[in-house]
Amino acid sequence: MVTKISGGKLILPEGIVEGKSIYYENGTIIAVTDENLPFDCEKKANGNYVSAGFIDVHVHGGFGVRFEDATEEEIIKACDGHFAHGTTTIYPTLSSSSIDAMENAAALVRKVKEDKSAKAEIIGIHLEGPYFSPLQCGAQDPNIIRKPQKEEYLEFLKEYADIIKRWSYAPEVDPDLEFLHTLTDFNVMASAAHTDALYTEMMKAYNNGMKLITHFYSCTSTVTRKGGFRFPGVLEAGYLTDGIAVEAITDGCHLPPELIRLIHKVKGTEKMCLVTDSIRYGGMENEADGIEDDHCLVEDGVAKLKDRSAFAGSIATTDRLVRTCVKQAGIPLVDAIKMMTQTPAEIMNLDKKGKIMYGYDAEFVIFDEDINVVEVIRQSK
């Protein structure tokens, strides 16, 4: 059955286009044209914007659910909640914990993925830890953080390499590159996170395959002084190295508008990827304010450590990321959408997602001038 989306302002790779319609069938876009082609069903965009589906490559949960300890039904609930806000492709993210806990969560996410029971498509898991710097633990449990243990991670990868698509770690705790090379052998993307690395340590990892920095500015080192000499760190490596992509949590809290503009200016849309880093309270802005649990409290639109010394994660959804970029940071809408669609697709090597083009997956977000989601469409193949 051919479906037509008409009457929208289409956000295409070449820019915003009016007067064209999208035709899709069996989960695939079959035409983007101003011609009138045969169709069976029509969806009218009514003058709203139509973009490719949003891709969130770093999200810990939402809507009352934390992926680390969720049941199968709860995983579906969180994915469906994010889907309603525009996320058509999702990478459930697991924080530092015991290998047993990570294996249990990985098995459940794998089952939801295979069953295709969530509205948002699960591509795989992002592991955030536990091989981090204790100096940059942030909201991660310092009692769990440790150096890479080969027997531990090798057994885990042998069992779950099919579902693990990315592993964030601190490059300086892997000086011999053994962990990084193992990730490469298993076709798992390596990303720098919670790291106190010097520029030289980042370049060593970069030259051996590490091409992404997790939540830029959060738990990432910058210039330090030793004996009067200044040494650049992770932030400088991210800015100076064209081949390194960076995540940005543009929830309006983690990064002020000025820093969002700076990252965009230096890295460009090709190497700046928007992520929610959403925790259990993601998507619950109205209900979560004032909530306090054993780990964090929620106020001012963000989750904080209980002593308010640092953030503990965001409560954002992907539409909020785009809205913040456009309305607060002054980023052009086309650029913001690209960083929420095409850029993450390219970073994660998803060759049929992130664009409204012939042959790409039929995944769309329809939203108004204020970037309020009107409808989310994803047709499975």
Protein backbone atom coordinates (compact mmCIF):
# COMPACT_ATOMS: atom_id res chain seq x y z
CA MET A 1 0.00 0.00 0.00
CA VAL A 2 1.43 3.35 -1.10
CA THR A 3 1.08 6.25 1.35
CA LYS A 4 1.48 9.89 0.37
CA ILE A 5 2.48 12.76 2.67
CA SER A 6 1.36 16.02 1.14
CA GLY A 7 1.14 19.70 1.99
CA GLY A 8 4.24 19.92 4.16
CA LYS A 9 7.44 21.91 4.27
CA LEU A 10 9.90 19.11 3.66
CA ILE A 11 13.32 19.31 5.30
CA LEU A 12 15.45 17.66 2.64
CA PRO A 13 19.27 17.40 2.39
CA GLU A 14 19.24 20.42 0.07
CA GLY A 15 17.07 22.52 2.41
CA ILE A 16 13.40 23.27 3.08
CA VAL A 17 11.20 22.53 0.07
CA GLU A 18 7.50 23.16 -0.47
CA GLY A 19 5.29 21.79 -3.23
CA LYS A 20 6.63 18.23 -3.14
CA SER A 21 5.09 15.09 -1.66
CA ILE A 22 6.59 11.96 -0.16
CA TYR A 23 5.47 8.53 -1.28
CA TYR A 24 6.40 5.41 0.67
CA GLU A 25 5.58 1.71 0.66
CA ASN A 26 6.70 -1.32 2.68
CA GLY A 27 8.81 0.84 4.97
CA THR A 28 10.75 2.55 2.17
CA ILE A 29 10.50 5.95 0.49
CA ILE A 30 9.70 5.37 -3.17
CA ALA A 31 9.49 8.99 -4.35
CA VAL A 32 9.93 12.62 -3.29
CA THR A 33 8.38 14.59 -6.08
CA ASP A 34 6.03 17.33 -7.24
CA GLU A 35 4.38 14.85 -9.61
CA ASN A 36 1.01 13.31 -8.77
CA LEU A 37 1.64 9.59 -8.42
CA PRO A 38 -0.86 6.84 -7.58
CA PHE A 39 -1.40 6.24 -3.85
CA ASP A 40 -3.70 4.33 -1.53
CA CYS A 41 -3.58 6.51 1.58
CA GLU A 42 -2.81 10.19 2.14
CA LYS A 43 -1.48 12.00 5.20
CA LYS A 44 -1.79 15.77 5.05
CA ALA A 45 0.92 17.77 6.78
CA ASN A 46 -1.23 20.91 6.70
CA GLY A 47 1.65 23.31 6.20
CA ASN A 48 3.78 21.86 9.02
CA TYR A 49 7.39 20.79 8.70
CA VAL A 50 8.25 17.21 7.77
CA SER A 51 11.67 15.85 8.65
CA ALA A 52 13.30 12.45 8.73
CA GLY A 53 12.81 10.57 12.00
CA PHE A 54 15.01 11.65 14.90
CA ILE A 55 17.87 9.37 15.94
CA ASP A 56 18.94 9.31 19.61
CA VAL A 57 22.26 7.51 20.06
CA HIS A 58 22.54 8.17 23.82
CA VAL A 59 19.49 7.70 26.05
CA HIS A 60 19.32 5.93 29.44
CA GLY A 61 15.54 5.77 29.71
CA GLY A 62 12.51 7.95 30.24
CA PHE A 63 8.87 8.01 31.23
CA GLY A 64 9.66 6.43 34.58
CA VAL A 65 11.92 3.72 33.13
CA ARG A 66 15.68 3.16 33.42
CA PHE A 67 17.06 0.75 30.83
CA GLU A 68 19.64 -0.69 33.24
CA ASP A 69 17.01 -2.37 35.41
CA ALA A 70 13.93 -2.36 33.17
CA THR A 71 11.66 -5.25 32.35
CA GLU A 72 10.81 -6.04 28.74
CA GLU A 73 7.53 -4.16 29.07
CA GLU A 74 9.28 -1.15 30.58
CA ILE A 75 11.82 -1.02 27.76
CA ILE A 76 8.93 -0.86 25.31
CA LYS A 77 7.27 1.87 27.39
CA ALA A 78 10.38 4.07 27.34
CA CYS A 79 10.98 3.57 23.62
CA ASP A 80 7.35 4.32 22.81
CA GLY A 81 7.45 7.44 24.97
CA HIS A 82 10.45 8.79 23.12
CA PHE A 83 8.84 7.83 19.81
CA ALA A 84 5.94 10.17 20.55
CA HIS A 85 8.46 13.02 20.73
CA GLY A 86 10.05 12.22 17.38
CA THR A 87 12.60 9.48 18.12
CA THR A 88 12.16 6.79 15.48
CA THR A 89 15.59 5.19 16.03
CA ILE A 90 17.01 4.62 19.50
CA TYR A 91 20.13 3.27 21.21
CA PRO A 92 19.31 2.29 24.80
CA THR A 93 22.26 3.28 26.96
CA LEU A 94 23.49 1.44 30.04
CA SER A 95 25.50 3.21 32.75
CA SER A 96 28.38 1.66 34.69
CA SER A 97 27.29 -1.39 36.63
CA SER A 98 28.29 -4.98 37.21
CA ILE A 99 28.76 -7.16 34.17
CA ASP A 100 25.92 -9.41 35.35
CA ALA A 101 23.52 -6.45 35.42
CA MET A 102 24.71 -5.26 32.01
CA GLU A 103 24.28 -8.73 30.55
CA ASN A 104 20.74 -9.00 31.89
CA ALA A 105 19.79 -5.61 30.42
CA ALA A 106 21.46 -6.44 27.11
CA ALA A 107 19.50 -9.67 26.83
CA LEU A 108 16.17 -7.90 27.39
CA VAL A 109 16.96 -5.10 24.93
CA ARG A 110 17.96 -7.72 22.39
CA LYS A 111 14.60 -9.47 22.81
CA VAL A 112 12.63 -6.23 22.31
CA LYS A 113 14.74 -5.48 19.24
CA GLU A 114 14.20 -8.91 17.74
CA ASP A 115 10.48 -8.89 18.52
CA LYS A 116 10.13 -5.39 17.00
CA SER A 117 7.70 -4.70 19.82
CA ALA A 118 8.67 -1.04 20.38
CA LYS A 119 7.54 1.79 18.11
CA ALA A 120 11.04 3.25 17.91
CA GLU A 121 13.51 0.94 16.21
CA ILE A 122 16.26 -0.34 18.49
CA ILE A 123 19.50 -0.64 16.55
CA GLY A 124 21.65 -1.67 19.47
CA ILE A 125 23.02 -0.78 22.87
CA HIS A 126 25.40 1.96 23.93
CA LEU A 127 27.48 1.02 26.98
CA GLU A 128 28.59 4.04 29.00
CA GLY A 129 31.23 2.59 31.30
CA PRO A 130 32.49 1.19 33.58
CA TYR A 131 36.03 1.85 32.28
CA PHE A 132 36.31 5.52 33.21
CA SER A 133 38.53 7.97 35.03
CA PRO A 134 37.62 8.27 38.73
CA LEU A 135 38.43 11.98 38.38
CA GLN A 136 35.59 12.42 35.87
CA CYS A 137 32.94 10.06 37.24
CA GLY A 138 30.18 12.68 37.24
CA ALA A 139 26.91 10.94 38.06
CA GLN A 140 28.44 7.49 37.47
CA ASP A 141 28.90 5.32 40.58
CA PRO A 142 32.56 5.75 41.67
CA ASN A 143 32.43 2.34 43.34
CA ILE A 144 31.74 0.69 39.99
CA ILE A 145 34.30 2.58 37.87
CA ARG A 146 37.39 0.50 37.13
CA LYS A 147 40.14 -0.11 34.59
CA PRO A 148 39.42 -2.41 31.65
CA GLN A 149 39.52 -6.06 32.62
CA LYS A 150 40.15 -8.20 29.57
CA GLU A 151 38.52 -11.41 30.74
CA GLU A 152 35.44 -9.42 31.75
CA TYR A 153 34.89 -7.38 28.59
CA LEU A 154 35.97 -10.13 26.21
CA GLU A 155 33.39 -12.59 27.50
CA PHE A 156 30.72 -9.90 27.39
CA LEU A 157 31.55 -9.00 23.80
CA LYS A 158 31.58 -12.63 22.69
CA GLU A 159 28.03 -13.05 23.98
CA TYR A 160 26.51 -9.68 23.07
CA ALA A 161 28.54 -8.21 20.20
CA ASP A 162 25.45 -8.44 18.00
CA ILE A 163 23.56 -5.95 20.18
CA ILE A 164 26.44 -3.75 21.45
CA LYS A 165 27.02 -1.03 18.89
CA ARG A 166 29.06 1.45 20.92
CA TRP A 167 31.13 1.49 24.11
CA SER A 168 32.15 4.73 25.85
CA TYR A 169 35.36 4.63 27.88
CA ALA A 170 38.25 6.82 29.05
CA PRO A 171 41.22 6.45 26.66
CA GLU A 172 43.80 7.09 29.39
CA VAL A 173 42.80 3.92 31.29
CA ASP A 174 43.65 1.88 28.18
CA PRO A 175 47.27 2.96 27.55
CA ASP A 176 48.21 -0.16 25.60
CA LEU A 177 45.07 0.16 23.40
CA GLU A 178 44.10 -3.45 24.09
CA PHE A 179 40.48 -2.58 24.90
CA LEU A 180 40.17 -0.23 21.92
CA HIS A 181 41.59 -2.82 19.53
CA THR A 182 39.19 -5.43 20.93
CA LEU A 183 36.22 -3.14 20.29
CA THR A 184 37.42 -2.69 16.71
CA ASP A 185 37.76 -6.45 16.27
CA PHE A 186 34.12 -6.87 17.36
CA ASN A 187 32.94 -3.96 15.17
CA VAL A 188 31.88 -1.91 18.21
CA MET A 189 32.31 1.86 18.01
CA ALA A 190 34.62 3.36 20.63
CA SER A 191 33.76 6.72 22.18
CA ALA A 192 35.66 8.85 24.71
CA ALA A 193 33.71 9.65 27.88
CA HIS A 194 34.18 10.49 31.56
CA THR A 195 37.79 11.05 30.69
CA ASP A 196 40.65 13.12 32.07
CA ALA A 197 42.82 12.37 29.06
CA LEU A 198 45.47 14.71 27.73
CA TYR A 199 45.43 15.73 24.08
CA THR A 200 48.24 13.27 23.32
CA GLU A 201 46.27 10.39 24.83
CA MET A 202 43.21 11.38 22.80
CA MET A 203 45.27 11.48 19.60
CA LYS A 204 46.68 8.04 20.32
CA ALA A 205 43.14 6.68 20.63
CA TYR A 206 41.92 8.67 17.62
CA ASN A 207 44.69 7.32 15.41
CA ASN A 208 43.62 3.82 16.40
CA GLY A 209 39.92 4.18 15.68
CA MET A 210 38.24 6.27 18.39
CA LYS A 211 36.23 8.90 16.48
CA LEU A 212 33.56 10.20 18.90
CA ILE A 213 33.38 12.12 22.17
CA THR A 214 30.42 11.39 24.44
CA HIS A 215 28.48 14.40 25.85
CA PHE A 216 31.01 17.10 24.95
CA TYR A 217 31.83 19.38 27.93
CA SER A 218 30.33 16.95 30.44
CA CYS A 219 33.03 15.04 32.32
CA THR A 220 35.66 15.86 29.72
CA SER A 221 39.05 17.40 30.51
CA THR A 222 40.34 20.70 29.22
CA VAL A 223 43.61 22.63 29.57
CA THR A 224 45.62 21.75 32.70
CA ARG A 225 48.85 23.17 34.06
CA LYS A 226 51.85 21.16 35.19
CA GLY A 227 55.01 22.95 36.28
CA GLY A 228 53.78 26.10 34.61
CA PHE A 229 53.24 24.43 31.24
CA ARG A 230 49.76 24.12 29.78
CA PHE A 231 48.54 20.84 28.35
CA PRO A 232 45.41 20.56 26.17
CA GLY A 233 42.82 17.93 26.96
CA VAL A 234 39.69 16.28 25.57
CA LEU A 235 37.86 19.47 24.62
CA GLU A 236 40.82 20.76 22.65
CA ALA A 237 41.19 17.39 20.90
CA GLY A 238 37.53 17.58 19.91
CA TYR A 239 37.81 21.07 18.50
CA LEU A 240 41.14 20.64 16.74
CA THR A 241 40.56 17.23 15.15
CA ASP A 242 38.25 17.38 12.16
CA GLY A 243 37.70 13.63 12.18
CA ILE A 244 36.30 13.53 15.72
CA ALA A 245 32.53 13.91 16.12
CA VAL A 246 31.00 15.17 19.35
CA GLU A 247 27.71 14.68 21.15
CA ALA A 248 25.87 17.73 22.49
CA ILE A 249 23.12 17.58 25.12
CA THR A 250 21.14 20.61 23.94
CA ASP A 251 18.47 20.49 26.63
CA GLY A 252 19.01 24.16 27.54
CA CYS A 253 20.75 23.18 30.79
CA HIS A 254 23.88 21.14 30.08
CA LEU A 255 25.12 23.66 27.53
CA PRO A 256 24.29 27.40 27.43
CA PRO A 257 23.35 28.85 24.02
CA GLU A 258 26.81 30.35 23.60
CA LEU A 259 28.52 26.96 23.86
CA ILE A 260 25.97 25.36 21.54
CA ARG A 261 26.81 28.02 18.96
CA LEU A 262 30.54 27.54 19.52
CA ILE A 263 30.38 23.78 18.98
CA HIS A 264 28.24 24.30 15.88
CA LYS A 265 30.61 26.95 14.53
CA VAL A 266 33.75 24.86 14.99
CA LYS A 267 32.53 21.30 14.36
CA GLY A 268 29.75 22.04 11.88
CA THR A 269 26.64 19.96 11.37
CA GLU A 270 28.68 17.03 10.02
CA LYS A 271 30.44 16.40 13.33
CA MET A 272 27.94 17.64 15.94
CA CYS A 273 25.33 15.14 17.05
CA LEU A 274 22.42 15.97 19.36
CA VAL A 275 21.63 13.50 22.16
CA THR A 276 19.19 13.52 25.07
CA ASP A 277 21.29 11.56 27.61
CA SER A 278 17.83 11.22 29.14
CA ILE A 279 17.47 9.35 32.43
CA ARG A 280 14.42 7.74 34.04
CA TYR A 281 12.56 11.05 34.23
CA GLY A 282 12.96 11.92 30.57
CA GLY A 283 9.78 13.21 28.96
CA MET A 284 8.26 13.95 32.38
CA GLU A 285 9.00 17.68 32.65
CA ASN A 286 5.67 18.50 34.25
CA GLU A 287 5.44 15.50 36.59
CA ALA A 288 9.12 15.14 37.55
CA ASP A 289 9.83 18.62 38.90
CA GLY A 290 10.64 18.26 42.59
CA ILE A 291 11.15 14.50 42.46
CA GLU A 292 14.03 13.23 44.61
CA ASP A 293 15.30 9.66 44.75
CA ASP A 294 18.38 7.90 46.12
CA HIS A 295 20.52 9.19 43.27
CA CYS A 296 19.29 12.58 42.11
CA LEU A 297 16.70 15.31 42.26
CA VAL A 298 14.86 17.01 39.42
CA GLU A 299 14.47 20.78 39.23
CA ASP A 300 14.95 23.58 36.70
CA GLY A 301 14.24 21.15 33.86
CA VAL A 302 17.22 18.89 34.57
CA ALA A 303 18.35 16.09 36.90
CA LYS A 304 20.99 17.04 39.46
CA LEU A 305 23.06 15.18 42.00
CA LYS A 306 21.44 15.49 45.39
CA ASP A 307 24.06 17.96 46.61
CA ARG A 308 23.46 20.03 43.43
CA SER A 309 27.16 19.94 42.61
CA ALA A 310 26.62 18.59 39.09
CA PHE A 311 23.99 17.35 36.69
CA ALA A 312 22.93 13.69 36.85
CA GLY A 313 21.52 13.50 33.33
CA SER A 314 18.83 15.20 31.33
CA ILE A 315 15.07 14.79 31.24
CA ALA A 316 14.90 15.91 27.62
CA THR A 317 13.31 14.37 24.57
CA THR A 318 14.65 14.84 21.05
CA ASP A 319 12.12 17.52 20.08
CA ARG A 320 13.35 19.61 23.02
CA LEU A 321 16.93 19.33 21.73
CA VAL A 322 15.92 20.74 18.35
CA ARG A 323 13.78 23.42 19.95
CA THR A 324 16.63 24.60 22.17
CA CYS A 325 19.04 24.78 19.24
CA VAL A 326 16.64 26.85 17.15
CA LYS A 327 14.80 28.99 19.68
CA GLN A 328 17.60 29.63 22.21
CA ALA A 329 20.89 29.17 20.36
CA GLY A 330 19.77 30.58 17.02
CA ILE A 331 20.90 27.53 15.03
CA PRO A 332 19.15 27.31 11.63
CA LEU A 333 16.33 24.75 11.67
CA VAL A 334 17.87 22.80 8.78
CA ASP A 335 21.14 22.45 10.70
CA ALA A 336 19.43 21.42 13.94
CA ILE A 337 17.42 18.75 12.12
CA LYS A 338 20.52 17.46 10.36
CA MET A 339 22.28 17.05 13.73
CA MET A 340 19.26 15.07 14.97
CA THR A 341 18.91 12.88 11.87
CA GLN A 342 21.59 12.70 9.19
CA THR A 343 24.63 13.25 11.41
CA PRO A 344 23.87 10.50 13.96
CA ALA A 345 22.97 8.18 11.08
CA GLU A 346 26.34 8.80 9.47
CA ILE A 347 28.24 8.45 12.76
CA MET A 348 26.57 5.09 13.44
CA ASN A 349 26.86 3.93 9.81
CA LEU A 350 23.11 3.74 9.20
CA ASP A 351 23.02 4.05 5.44
CA LYS A 352 19.22 4.17 4.99
CA LYS A 353 18.25 6.54 7.80
CA GLY A 354 18.44 10.24 8.52
CA LYS A 355 17.28 11.66 5.19
CA ILE A 356 14.08 12.05 3.21
CA MET A 357 15.32 10.52 -0.03
CA TYR A 358 14.42 7.74 -2.43
CA GLY A 359 15.32 4.34 -0.98
CA TYR A 360 15.58 5.55 2.63
CA ASP A 361 13.51 4.24 5.53
CA ALA A 362 9.97 5.62 5.84
CA GLU A 363 10.44 7.44 9.16
CA PHE A 364 9.13 10.98 9.59
CA VAL A 365 8.39 13.64 12.16
CA ILE A 366 5.73 16.27 11.43
CA PHE A 367 6.02 19.36 13.65
CA ASP A 368 4.86 22.97 13.78
CA GLU A 369 6.69 26.32 13.79
CA ASP A 370 7.43 25.96 17.52
CA ILE A 371 8.78 22.44 16.99
CA ASN A 372 5.85 20.82 18.73
CA VAL A 373 5.40 17.31 17.37
CA VAL A 374 2.16 16.82 15.47
CA GLU A 375 2.68 13.24 14.27
CA VAL A 376 5.44 10.64 14.17
CA ILE A 377 5.45 8.04 11.39
CA ARG A 378 7.50 4.91 11.09
CA GLN A 379 6.48 2.17 8.70
CA SER A 380 8.23 -1.12 9.42
CA LYS A 381 9.57 -3.19 6.57
